[in-house]
Amino acid sequence: MTADQLKDLIAAGLPCEHIALEGDGRHWYATIVSAQFEGQRLVQRQRLVYATLGQRMHTDEVHALSMKTYTPAEWAAQSGQA
């Protein structure tokens, strides 16, 4: 799987303002910004992202996905834009 394919899968299932991916085709690191994360705890946010991948996590198309998840306000503060 390519970074663009993974990005498209996440974006198709979760409205995102920003997605950045790095990885080697099996192990991925993602930064994801979505208003859907408002009011959600970290584990809930991760479940939302994993839900967009469905069986791909179980069939090893995506072996590992580490992520940082932010609301738009958190992302702005993280980026020093607040």
N, C-alpha and C. Protein backbone atom coordinates (compact mmCIF):
# COMPACT_ATOMS: atom_id res chain seq x y z
N MET A 1 0.85 -1.17 0.00
CA MET A 1 0.00 0.00 0.00
C MET A 1 0.90 1.24 0.00
N THR A 2 0.50 2.22 -0.78
CA THR A 2 1.25 3.48 -0.83
C THR A 2 0.69 4.48 0.17
N ALA A 3 1.46 5.52 0.43
CA ALA A 3 0.99 6.58 1.33
C ALA A 3 -0.27 7.23 0.77
N ASP A 4 -0.32 7.45 -0.53
CA ASP A 4 -1.50 8.07 -1.13
C ASP A 4 -2.73 7.18 -0.98
N GLN A 5 -2.57 5.87 -1.16
CA GLN A 5 -3.70 4.95 -0.99
C GLN A 5 -4.21 4.97 0.45
N LEU A 6 -3.29 4.94 1.40
CA LEU A 6 -3.67 4.96 2.80
C LEU A 6 -4.35 6.28 3.16
N LYS A 7 -3.80 7.36 2.67
CA LYS A 7 -4.39 8.68 2.91
C LYS A 7 -5.81 8.75 2.35
N ASP A 8 -6.00 8.23 1.14
CA ASP A 8 -7.32 8.23 0.52
C ASP A 8 -8.32 7.39 1.32
N LEU A 9 -7.88 6.25 1.85
CA LEU A 9 -8.77 5.40 2.66
C LEU A 9 -9.22 6.12 3.92
N ILE A 10 -8.29 6.75 4.59
CA ILE A 10 -8.62 7.47 5.83
C ILE A 10 -9.56 8.64 5.50
N ALA A 11 -9.22 9.40 4.48
CA ALA A 11 -10.03 10.58 4.11
C ALA A 11 -11.43 10.18 3.63
N ALA A 12 -11.57 9.01 3.03
CA ALA A 12 -12.88 8.56 2.56
C ALA A 12 -13.81 8.23 3.73
N GLY A 13 -13.25 7.81 4.85
CA GLY A 13 -14.08 7.42 5.98
C GLY A 13 -14.14 8.42 7.11
N LEU A 14 -13.29 9.45 7.04
CA LEU A 14 -13.21 10.42 8.13
C LEU A 14 -12.88 11.78 7.54
N PRO A 15 -13.78 12.76 7.70
CA PRO A 15 -13.48 14.09 7.17
C PRO A 15 -12.26 14.68 7.89
N CYS A 16 -11.21 14.96 7.13
CA CYS A 16 -9.96 15.44 7.71
C CYS A 16 -9.55 16.77 7.11
N GLU A 17 -8.99 17.61 7.95
CA GLU A 17 -8.44 18.87 7.48
C GLU A 17 -6.98 18.72 7.08
N HIS A 18 -6.34 17.69 7.65
CA HIS A 18 -4.92 17.47 7.37
C HIS A 18 -4.60 16.01 7.65
N ILE A 19 -3.86 15.39 6.73
CA ILE A 19 -3.33 14.05 6.94
C ILE A 19 -1.90 14.05 6.41
N ALA A 20 -0.96 13.66 7.25
CA ALA A 20 0.43 13.48 6.82
C ALA A 20 0.83 12.06 7.16
N LEU A 21 1.45 11.38 6.21
CA LEU A 21 1.85 9.98 6.41
C LEU A 21 3.31 9.79 6.07
N GLU A 22 3.95 8.97 6.86
CA GLU A 22 5.31 8.53 6.58
C GLU A 22 5.32 7.03 6.82
N GLY A 23 6.09 6.30 6.04
CA GLY A 23 6.18 4.87 6.28
C GLY A 23 6.86 4.13 5.15
N ASP A 24 6.91 2.82 5.32
CA ASP A 24 7.62 1.98 4.37
C ASP A 24 6.71 1.03 3.59
N GLY A 25 5.40 1.26 3.68
CA GLY A 25 4.46 0.39 2.98
C GLY A 25 3.77 -0.60 3.90
N ARG A 26 4.35 -0.86 5.06
CA ARG A 26 3.74 -1.74 6.06
C ARG A 26 3.63 -1.06 7.41
N HIS A 27 4.62 -0.28 7.77
CA HIS A 27 4.66 0.43 9.05
C HIS A 27 4.47 1.91 8.76
N TRP A 28 3.44 2.49 9.36
CA TRP A 28 3.08 3.87 9.05
C TRP A 28 3.02 4.73 10.30
N TYR A 29 3.33 6.00 10.11
CA TYR A 29 3.17 7.02 11.14
C TYR A 29 2.30 8.11 10.53
N ALA A 30 1.19 8.44 11.20
CA ALA A 30 0.24 9.40 10.65
C ALA A 30 -0.01 10.55 11.63
N THR A 31 -0.19 11.74 11.07
CA THR A 31 -0.69 12.89 11.80
C THR A 31 -2.02 13.23 11.14
N ILE A 32 -3.09 13.20 11.93
CA ILE A 32 -4.44 13.36 11.38
C ILE A 32 -5.17 14.45 12.16
N VAL A 33 -5.74 15.40 11.43
CA VAL A 33 -6.51 16.49 12.03
C VAL A 33 -7.94 16.39 11.52
N SER A 34 -8.88 16.27 12.46
CA SER A 34 -10.28 16.16 12.08
C SER A 34 -11.18 16.76 13.17
N ALA A 35 -12.21 17.45 12.73
CA ALA A 35 -13.21 17.98 13.66
C ALA A 35 -13.97 16.84 14.33
N GLN A 36 -13.97 15.65 13.72
CA GLN A 36 -14.63 14.48 14.30
C GLN A 36 -14.02 14.09 15.64
N PHE A 37 -12.80 14.55 15.91
CA PHE A 37 -12.12 14.21 17.16
C PHE A 37 -12.57 15.06 18.35
N GLU A 38 -13.36 16.11 18.08
CA GLU A 38 -13.85 16.98 19.15
C GLU A 38 -14.56 16.15 20.21
N GLY A 39 -14.17 16.32 21.47
CA GLY A 39 -14.83 15.64 22.57
C GLY A 39 -14.48 14.16 22.70
N GLN A 40 -13.57 13.66 21.88
CA GLN A 40 -13.19 12.25 21.90
C GLN A 40 -11.88 12.06 22.66
N ARG A 41 -11.79 10.99 23.43
CA ARG A 41 -10.53 10.64 24.07
C ARG A 41 -9.61 9.99 23.04
N LEU A 42 -8.34 9.87 23.38
CA LEU A 42 -7.35 9.35 22.45
C LEU A 42 -7.75 8.00 21.87
N VAL A 43 -8.17 7.08 22.70
CA VAL A 43 -8.53 5.75 22.21
C VAL A 43 -9.73 5.81 21.27
N GLN A 44 -10.67 6.69 21.54
CA GLN A 44 -11.83 6.85 20.67
C GLN A 44 -11.41 7.41 19.31
N ARG A 45 -10.47 8.33 19.32
CA ARG A 45 -9.96 8.90 18.07
C ARG A 45 -9.28 7.82 17.23
N GLN A 46 -8.47 7.01 17.90
CA GLN A 46 -7.77 5.94 17.18
C GLN A 46 -8.76 4.94 16.59
N ARG A 47 -9.80 4.64 17.34
CA ARG A 47 -10.82 3.71 16.82
C ARG A 47 -11.50 4.28 15.59
N LEU A 48 -11.74 5.59 15.58
CA LEU A 48 -12.34 6.21 14.38
C LEU A 48 -11.44 6.01 13.17
N VAL A 49 -10.14 6.19 13.36
CA VAL A 49 -9.20 6.02 12.25
C VAL A 49 -9.14 4.56 11.83
N TYR A 50 -9.00 3.65 12.79
CA TYR A 50 -8.93 2.23 12.47
C TYR A 50 -10.19 1.76 11.75
N ALA A 51 -11.33 2.32 12.10
CA ALA A 51 -12.59 1.95 11.44
C ALA A 51 -12.55 2.28 9.95
N THR A 52 -11.81 3.31 9.57
CA THR A 52 -11.72 3.66 8.15
C THR A 52 -10.92 2.62 7.37
N LEU A 53 -10.07 1.88 8.06
CA LEU A 53 -9.21 0.88 7.41
C LEU A 53 -9.84 -0.50 7.38
N GLY A 54 -10.79 -0.74 8.27
CA GLY A 54 -11.51 -2.00 8.28
C GLY A 54 -10.60 -3.21 8.27
N GLN A 55 -10.87 -4.13 7.37
CA GLN A 55 -10.16 -5.41 7.29
C GLN A 55 -8.70 -5.25 6.90
N ARG A 56 -8.32 -4.13 6.36
CA ARG A 56 -6.92 -3.96 5.93
C ARG A 56 -5.93 -4.11 7.08
N MET A 57 -6.37 -3.77 8.29
CA MET A 57 -5.52 -3.97 9.46
C MET A 57 -5.41 -5.45 9.80
N HIS A 58 -6.44 -6.21 9.52
CA HIS A 58 -6.45 -7.63 9.86
C HIS A 58 -5.83 -8.50 8.78
N THR A 59 -5.81 -8.02 7.55
CA THR A 59 -5.22 -8.80 6.46
C THR A 59 -3.77 -8.43 6.23
N ASP A 60 -3.23 -7.57 7.06
CA ASP A 60 -1.82 -7.18 7.01
C ASP A 60 -1.48 -6.25 5.86
N GLU A 61 -2.49 -5.69 5.16
CA GLU A 61 -2.18 -4.66 4.15
C GLU A 61 -1.54 -3.47 4.84
N VAL A 62 -2.01 -3.17 6.04
CA VAL A 62 -1.40 -2.15 6.89
C VAL A 62 -0.97 -2.89 8.15
N HIS A 63 0.32 -3.14 8.27
CA HIS A 63 0.80 -3.94 9.39
C HIS A 63 0.76 -3.16 10.70
N ALA A 64 1.18 -1.89 10.66
CA ALA A 64 1.22 -1.08 11.87
C ALA A 64 0.94 0.38 11.52
N LEU A 65 0.17 1.02 12.37
CA LEU A 65 -0.15 2.44 12.18
C LEU A 65 -0.04 3.15 13.52
N SER A 66 0.96 4.00 13.64
CA SER A 66 1.08 4.89 14.79
C SER A 66 0.47 6.21 14.38
N MET A 67 -0.18 6.87 15.30
CA MET A 67 -0.81 8.12 14.90
C MET A 67 -0.85 9.14 16.02
N LYS A 68 -0.84 10.38 15.59
CA LYS A 68 -1.15 11.51 16.45
C LYS A 68 -2.42 12.10 15.87
N THR A 69 -3.39 12.31 16.73
CA THR A 69 -4.68 12.83 16.29
C THR A 69 -4.96 14.16 16.98
N TYR A 70 -5.43 15.10 16.20
CA TYR A 70 -5.69 16.45 16.72
C TYR A 70 -7.04 16.96 16.22
N THR A 71 -7.68 17.76 17.04
CA THR A 71 -8.81 18.57 16.56
C THR A 71 -8.19 19.75 15.83
N PRO A 72 -8.95 20.48 15.03
CA PRO A 72 -8.38 21.66 14.37
C PRO A 72 -7.79 22.67 15.35
N ALA A 73 -8.44 22.88 16.50
CA ALA A 73 -7.92 23.84 17.49
C ALA A 73 -6.61 23.33 18.09
N GLU A 74 -6.54 22.03 18.38
CA GLU A 74 -5.31 21.44 18.92
C GLU A 74 -4.17 21.55 17.91
N TRP A 75 -4.49 21.31 16.65
CA TRP A 75 -3.50 21.39 15.59
C TRP A 75 -2.98 22.82 15.45
N ALA A 76 -3.87 23.80 15.51
CA ALA A 76 -3.46 25.20 15.41
C ALA A 76 -2.55 25.56 16.57
N ALA A 77 -2.88 25.10 17.78
CA ALA A 77 -2.05 25.37 18.95
C ALA A 77 -0.70 24.65 18.83
N GLN A 78 -0.71 23.43 18.35
CA GLN A 78 0.50 22.64 18.16
C GLN A 78 1.41 23.30 17.13
N SER A 79 0.82 23.87 16.12
CA SER A 79 1.58 24.50 15.04
C SER A 79 1.97 25.93 15.37
N GLY A 80 1.58 26.41 16.56
CA GLY A 80 1.91 27.77 16.96
C GLY A 80 1.06 28.83 16.28
N GLN A 81 -0.10 28.42 15.80
CA GLN A 81 -0.96 29.36 15.07
C GLN A 81 -2.08 29.91 15.94
N ALA A 82 -2.16 29.45 17.18
CA ALA A 82 -3.27 29.89 18.05
C ALA A 82 -3.00 31.26 18.63
